[in-house]
C-alpha atoms as a PDB file:
ATOM      1  CA  MET A   1       0.000   0.000   0.000  1.00  0.00           C
ATOM      2  CA  THR A   2       1.411   3.371  -0.986  1.00  0.00           C
ATOM      3  CA  VAL A   3       1.625   6.339   1.355  1.00  0.00           C
ATOM      4  CA  GLU A   4      -1.115   8.034  -0.688  1.00  0.00           C
ATOM      5  CA  GLN A   5      -3.403   4.995  -0.340  1.00  0.00           C
ATOM      6  CA  ARG A   6      -2.734   4.834   3.393  1.00  0.00           C
ATOM      7  CA  LEU A   7      -3.515   8.531   3.786  1.00  0.00           C
ATOM      8  CA  GLU A   8      -6.729   8.128   1.776  1.00  0.00           C
ATOM      9  CA  ALA A   9      -7.794   5.201   3.998  1.00  0.00           C
ATOM     10  CA  ILE A  10      -7.104   7.225   7.159  1.00  0.00           C
ATOM     11  CA  GLU A  11      -9.035  10.216   5.797  1.00  0.00           C
ATOM     12  CA  ALA A  12     -11.970   7.944   4.882  1.00  0.00           C
ATOM     13  CA  ASP A  13     -11.996   6.400   8.361  1.00  0.00           C
ATOM     14  CA  LEU A  14     -12.012   9.830  10.016  1.00  0.00           C
ATOM     15  CA  ALA A  15     -14.746  11.153   7.711  1.00  0.00           C
ATOM     16  CA  ILE A  16     -16.951   8.139   8.420  1.00  0.00           C
ATOM     17  CA  ARG A  17     -16.406   8.418  12.188  1.00  0.00           C
ATOM     18  CA  ARG A  18     -17.475  12.050  11.876  1.00  0.00           C
ATOM     19  CA  LEU A  19     -20.693  11.021  10.077  1.00  0.00           C
ATOM     20  CA  ILE A  20     -21.480   8.528  12.834  1.00  0.00           C
ATOM     21  CA  ALA A  21     -20.916  11.228  15.470  1.00  0.00           C
ATOM     22  CA  GLU A  22     -22.992  13.765  13.524  1.00  0.00           C
ATOM     23  CA  TYR A  23     -25.901  11.309  13.474  1.00  0.00           C
ATOM     24  CA  ALA A  24     -25.849  11.240  17.287  1.00  0.00           C
ATOM     25  CA  HIS A  25     -25.396  15.008  17.651  1.00  0.00           C
ATOM     26  CA  GLY A  26     -28.077  15.803  15.077  1.00  0.00           C
ATOM     27  CA  THR A  27     -30.506  13.405  16.734  1.00  0.00           C
ATOM     28  CA  ASP A  28     -29.811  14.472  20.306  1.00  0.00           C
ATOM     29  CA  ARG A  29     -29.961  18.194  19.525  1.00  0.00           C
ATOM     30  CA  ARG A  30     -32.937  17.833  17.186  1.00  0.00           C
ATOM     31  CA  ASP A  31     -30.856  19.715  14.628  1.00  0.00           C
ATOM     32  CA  LEU A  32     -32.589  18.903  11.352  1.00  0.00           C
ATOM     33  CA  GLU A  33     -29.999  20.436   9.017  1.00  0.00           C
ATOM     34  CA  ARG A  34     -27.141  18.705  10.826  1.00  0.00           C
ATOM     35  CA  PHE A  35     -29.048  15.418  10.765  1.00  0.00           C
ATOM     36  CA  LYS A  36     -29.918  15.653   7.056  1.00  0.00           C
ATOM     37  CA  ALA A  37     -26.384  16.632   6.022  1.00  0.00           C
ATOM     38  CA  ILE A  38     -24.968  13.140   6.715  1.00  0.00           C
ATOM     39  CA  TRP A  39     -27.171  11.311   4.179  1.00  0.00           C
ATOM     40  CA  HIS A  40     -26.717  11.002   0.437  1.00  0.00           C
ATOM     41  CA  ASP A  41     -29.841  12.004  -1.524  1.00  0.00           C
ATOM     42  CA  ASP A  42     -30.858   8.379  -2.199  1.00  0.00           C
ATOM     43  CA  ALA A  43     -29.944   6.916   1.206  1.00  0.00           C
ATOM     44  CA  VAL A  44     -32.175   4.420   3.006  1.00  0.00           C
ATOM     45  CA  PHE A  45     -32.813   4.504   6.749  1.00  0.00           C
ATOM     46  CA  HIS A  46     -34.131   1.178   8.059  1.00  0.00           C
ATOM     47  CA  LEU A  47     -36.104   2.031  11.195  1.00  0.00           C
ATOM     48  CA  GLY A  48     -37.919  -1.222  11.844  1.00  0.00           C
ATOM     49  CA  GLU A  49     -41.527  -1.371  12.909  1.00  0.00           C
ATOM     50  CA  PRO A  50     -43.718   0.607  12.840  1.00  0.00           C
ATOM     51  CA  LEU A  51     -41.906   3.093  10.573  1.00  0.00           C
ATOM     52  CA  GLY A  52     -40.254   0.629   8.186  1.00  0.00           C
ATOM     53  CA  SER A  53     -37.633   1.921   5.742  1.00  0.00           C
ATOM     54  CA  VAL A  54     -37.411   5.511   4.537  1.00  0.00           C
ATOM     55  CA  ARG A  55     -35.641   6.479   1.300  1.00  0.00           C
ATOM     56  CA  GLY A  56     -34.111   9.857   0.490  1.00  0.00           C
ATOM     57  CA  ARG A  57     -32.449  12.598   2.540  1.00  0.00           C
ATOM     58  CA  ASP A  58     -35.551  14.788   2.728  1.00  0.00           C
ATOM     59  CA  ALA A  59     -37.865  11.905   3.666  1.00  0.00           C
ATOM     60  CA  ILE A  60     -35.399  10.708   6.318  1.00  0.00           C
ATOM     61  CA  GLY A  61     -35.250  14.217   7.773  1.00  0.00           C
ATOM     62  CA  GLU A  62     -39.026  14.567   7.730  1.00  0.00           C
ATOM     63  CA  THR A  63     -39.437  11.193   9.444  1.00  0.00           C
ATOM     64  CA  ALA A  64     -37.007  12.239  12.164  1.00  0.00           C
ATOM     65  CA  ARG A  65     -38.783  15.577  12.636  1.00  0.00           C
ATOM     66  CA  THR A  66     -42.362  14.283  12.623  1.00  0.00           C
ATOM     67  CA  GLN A  67     -42.138  10.655  13.805  1.00  0.00           C
ATOM     68  CA  MET A  68     -38.948  10.049  15.799  1.00  0.00           C
ATOM     69  CA  TRP A  69     -38.285  13.243  17.719  1.00  0.00           C
ATOM     70  CA  PRO A  70     -41.843  13.976  18.927  1.00  0.00           C
ATOM     71  CA  ASN A  71     -41.835  10.589  20.684  1.00  0.00           C
ATOM     72  CA  SER A  72     -39.099  11.635  23.100  1.00  0.00           C
ATOM     73  CA  ARG A  73     -38.320  14.701  25.180  1.00  0.00           C
ATOM     74  CA  PHE A  74     -34.608  13.972  24.872  1.00  0.00           C
ATOM     75  CA  THR A  75     -32.056  11.409  23.788  1.00  0.00           C
ATOM     76  CA  HIS A  76     -28.343  11.186  24.562  1.00  0.00           C
ATOM     77  CA  HIS A  77     -26.293   8.764  22.442  1.00  0.00           C
ATOM     78  CA  TRP A  78     -22.868   7.286  23.169  1.00  0.00           C
ATOM     79  CA  THR A  79     -21.498   5.365  20.185  1.00  0.00           C
ATOM     80  CA  VAL A  80     -18.721   2.819  20.787  1.00  0.00           C
ATOM     81  CA  ASN A  81     -16.896  -0.133  19.209  1.00  0.00           C
ATOM     82  CA  VAL A  82     -16.950   1.472  15.766  1.00  0.00           C
ATOM     83  CA  SER A  83     -15.530  -0.930  13.177  1.00  0.00           C
ATOM     84  CA  ILE A  84     -15.087   0.487   9.673  1.00  0.00           C
ATOM     85  CA  GLN A  85     -14.099  -1.327   6.484  1.00  0.00           C
ATOM     86  CA  VAL A  86     -13.159   0.950   3.579  1.00  0.00           C
ATOM     87  CA  ASP A  87     -13.020  -0.383   0.029  1.00  0.00           C
ATOM     88  CA  GLY A  88     -12.164   2.480  -2.289  1.00  0.00           C
ATOM     89  CA  ALA A  89     -15.166   4.806  -2.536  1.00  0.00           C
ATOM     90  CA  THR A  90     -17.454   2.563  -0.473  1.00  0.00           C
ATOM     91  CA  ALA A  91     -17.384   1.503   3.152  1.00  0.00           C
ATOM     92  CA  THR A  92     -19.337  -0.411   5.750  1.00  0.00           C
ATOM     93  CA  SER A  93     -19.343  -0.124   9.502  1.00  0.00           C
ATOM     94  CA  MET A  94     -20.795  -1.659  12.600  1.00  0.00           C
ATOM     95  CA  ALA A  95     -21.089   0.227  15.879  1.00  0.00           C
ATOM     96  CA  ASN A  96     -22.775  -0.241  19.212  1.00  0.00           C
ATOM     97  CA  ALA A  97     -24.545   2.554  21.021  1.00  0.00           C
ATOM     98  CA  PHE A  98     -26.080   3.243  24.365  1.00  0.00           C
ATOM     99  CA  ALA A  99     -28.781   5.889  24.597  1.00  0.00           C
ATOM    100  CA  SER A 100     -30.469   7.507  27.533  1.00  0.00           C
ATOM    101  CA  VAL A 101     -34.012   8.502  26.592  1.00  0.00           C
ATOM    102  CA  MET A 102     -37.007  10.288  28.071  1.00  0.00           C
ATOM    103  CA  ASP A 103     -40.153   9.558  26.118  1.00  0.00           C
ATOM    104  CA  ALA A 104     -42.984  12.008  25.507  1.00  0.00           C
ATOM    105  CA  ALA A 105     -44.790  10.760  28.635  1.00  0.00           C
ATOM    106  CA  GLY A 106     -41.735  11.446  30.832  1.00  0.00           C
ATOM    107  CA  ASN A 107     -40.594   7.830  31.235  1.00  0.00           C
ATOM    108  CA  ARG A 108     -36.817   7.411  31.335  1.00  0.00           C
ATOM    109  CA  PHE A 109     -35.059   4.363  29.903  1.00  0.00           C
ATOM    110  CA  ALA A 110     -31.756   3.125  28.537  1.00  0.00           C
ATOM    111  CA  VAL A 111     -31.406   1.473  25.152  1.00  0.00           C
ATOM    112  CA  SER A 112     -28.555  -0.576  23.686  1.00  0.00           C
ATOM    113  CA  VAL A 113     -28.354  -0.706  19.909  1.00  0.00           C
ATOM    114  CA  THR A 114     -26.148  -2.026  17.102  1.00  0.00           C
ATOM    115  CA  TYR A 115     -25.938   0.073  13.936  1.00  0.00           C
ATOM    116  CA  GLU A 116     -24.999  -1.439  10.560  1.00  0.00           C
ATOM    117  CA  ASP A 117     -24.071   1.205   8.010  1.00  0.00           C
ATOM    118  CA  GLU A 118     -23.078   1.650   4.388  1.00  0.00           C
ATOM    119  CA  PHE A 119     -21.312   4.722   3.007  1.00  0.00           C
ATOM    120  CA  GLU A 120     -20.124   6.076  -0.314  1.00  0.00           C
ATOM    121  CA  ARG A 121     -17.732   8.831  -1.300  1.00  0.00           C
ATOM    122  CA  ARG A 122     -19.332  10.881  -4.057  1.00  0.00           C
ATOM    123  CA  ASP A 123     -17.581  13.882  -5.559  1.00  0.00           C
ATOM    124  CA  GLY A 124     -15.104  13.648  -2.680  1.00  0.00           C
ATOM    125  CA  VAL A 125     -17.762  13.674   0.053  1.00  0.00           C
ATOM    126  CA  TRP A 126     -18.616  10.702   2.262  1.00  0.00           C
ATOM    127  CA  GLY A 127     -22.244  10.123   3.224  1.00  0.00           C
ATOM    128  CA  PHE A 128     -24.557   7.445   4.524  1.00  0.00           C
ATOM    129  CA  THR A 129     -26.220   5.315   1.853  1.00  0.00           C
ATOM    130  CA  SER A 130     -27.846   2.968   4.376  1.00  0.00           C
ATOM    131  CA  ARG A 131     -28.316   2.749   8.137  1.00  0.00           C
ATOM    132  CA  ALA A 132     -30.093  -0.057   9.972  1.00  0.00           C
ATOM    133  CA  PHE A 133     -30.209  -0.774  13.652  1.00  0.00           C
ATOM    134  CA  THR A 134     -31.091  -3.567  16.027  1.00  0.00           C
ATOM    135  CA  ILE A 135     -32.322  -2.752  19.526  1.00  0.00           C
ATOM    136  CA  HIS A 136     -30.988  -5.260  22.043  1.00  0.00           C
ATOM    137  CA  GLU A 137     -32.320  -3.927  25.331  1.00  0.00           C
ATOM    138  CA  ARG A 138     -34.654  -1.264  26.608  1.00  0.00           C
ATOM    139  CA  ASP A 139     -34.428  -0.935  30.361  1.00  0.00           C
ATOM    140  CA  PRO A 140     -36.334   1.511  32.585  1.00  0.00           C
ATOM    141  CA  LEU A 141     -34.324   4.045  34.536  1.00  0.00           C
ATOM    142  CA  THR A 142     -35.858   4.728  37.909  1.00  0.00           C
ATOM    143  CA  ALA A 143     -33.384   7.127  39.517  1.00  0.00           C
ATOM    144  CA  PRO A 144     -34.793  10.664  39.765  1.00  0.00           C
ATOM    145  CA  MET A 145     -33.144  13.416  37.799  1.00  0.00           C
ATOM    146  CA  ALA A 146     -31.427  15.910  40.080  1.00  0.00           C
END
């Protein structure tokens, strides 16, 4: 592997890690523009039931704004164990996440999730082409907030 190829692989890894972080920040801050900026125009977000899969940056953003975010007062994501495989202008990743959530009714719970992602570099810019997640646990949090 040449120095240029190694540098390109490192830059891809960093760009993809940034996209994964921006997903969490955009979601947690309910920042629609930040959230939409990580997706390519034809990306697919696999949300599971009852929302199913949503295709396209604008539709993904609208689903977050109207379906996901109104169901919780807040979320706080911590993404860990990020494993990225870059193959030229495409990449895949798997990451685990823990989220602290308060739903619209005021119930607090913790969720553990695994994300499986696909990315592409188009015109020099990396973006999500697919994101799917599996929820492993959803546990109530009973400690009062100070």
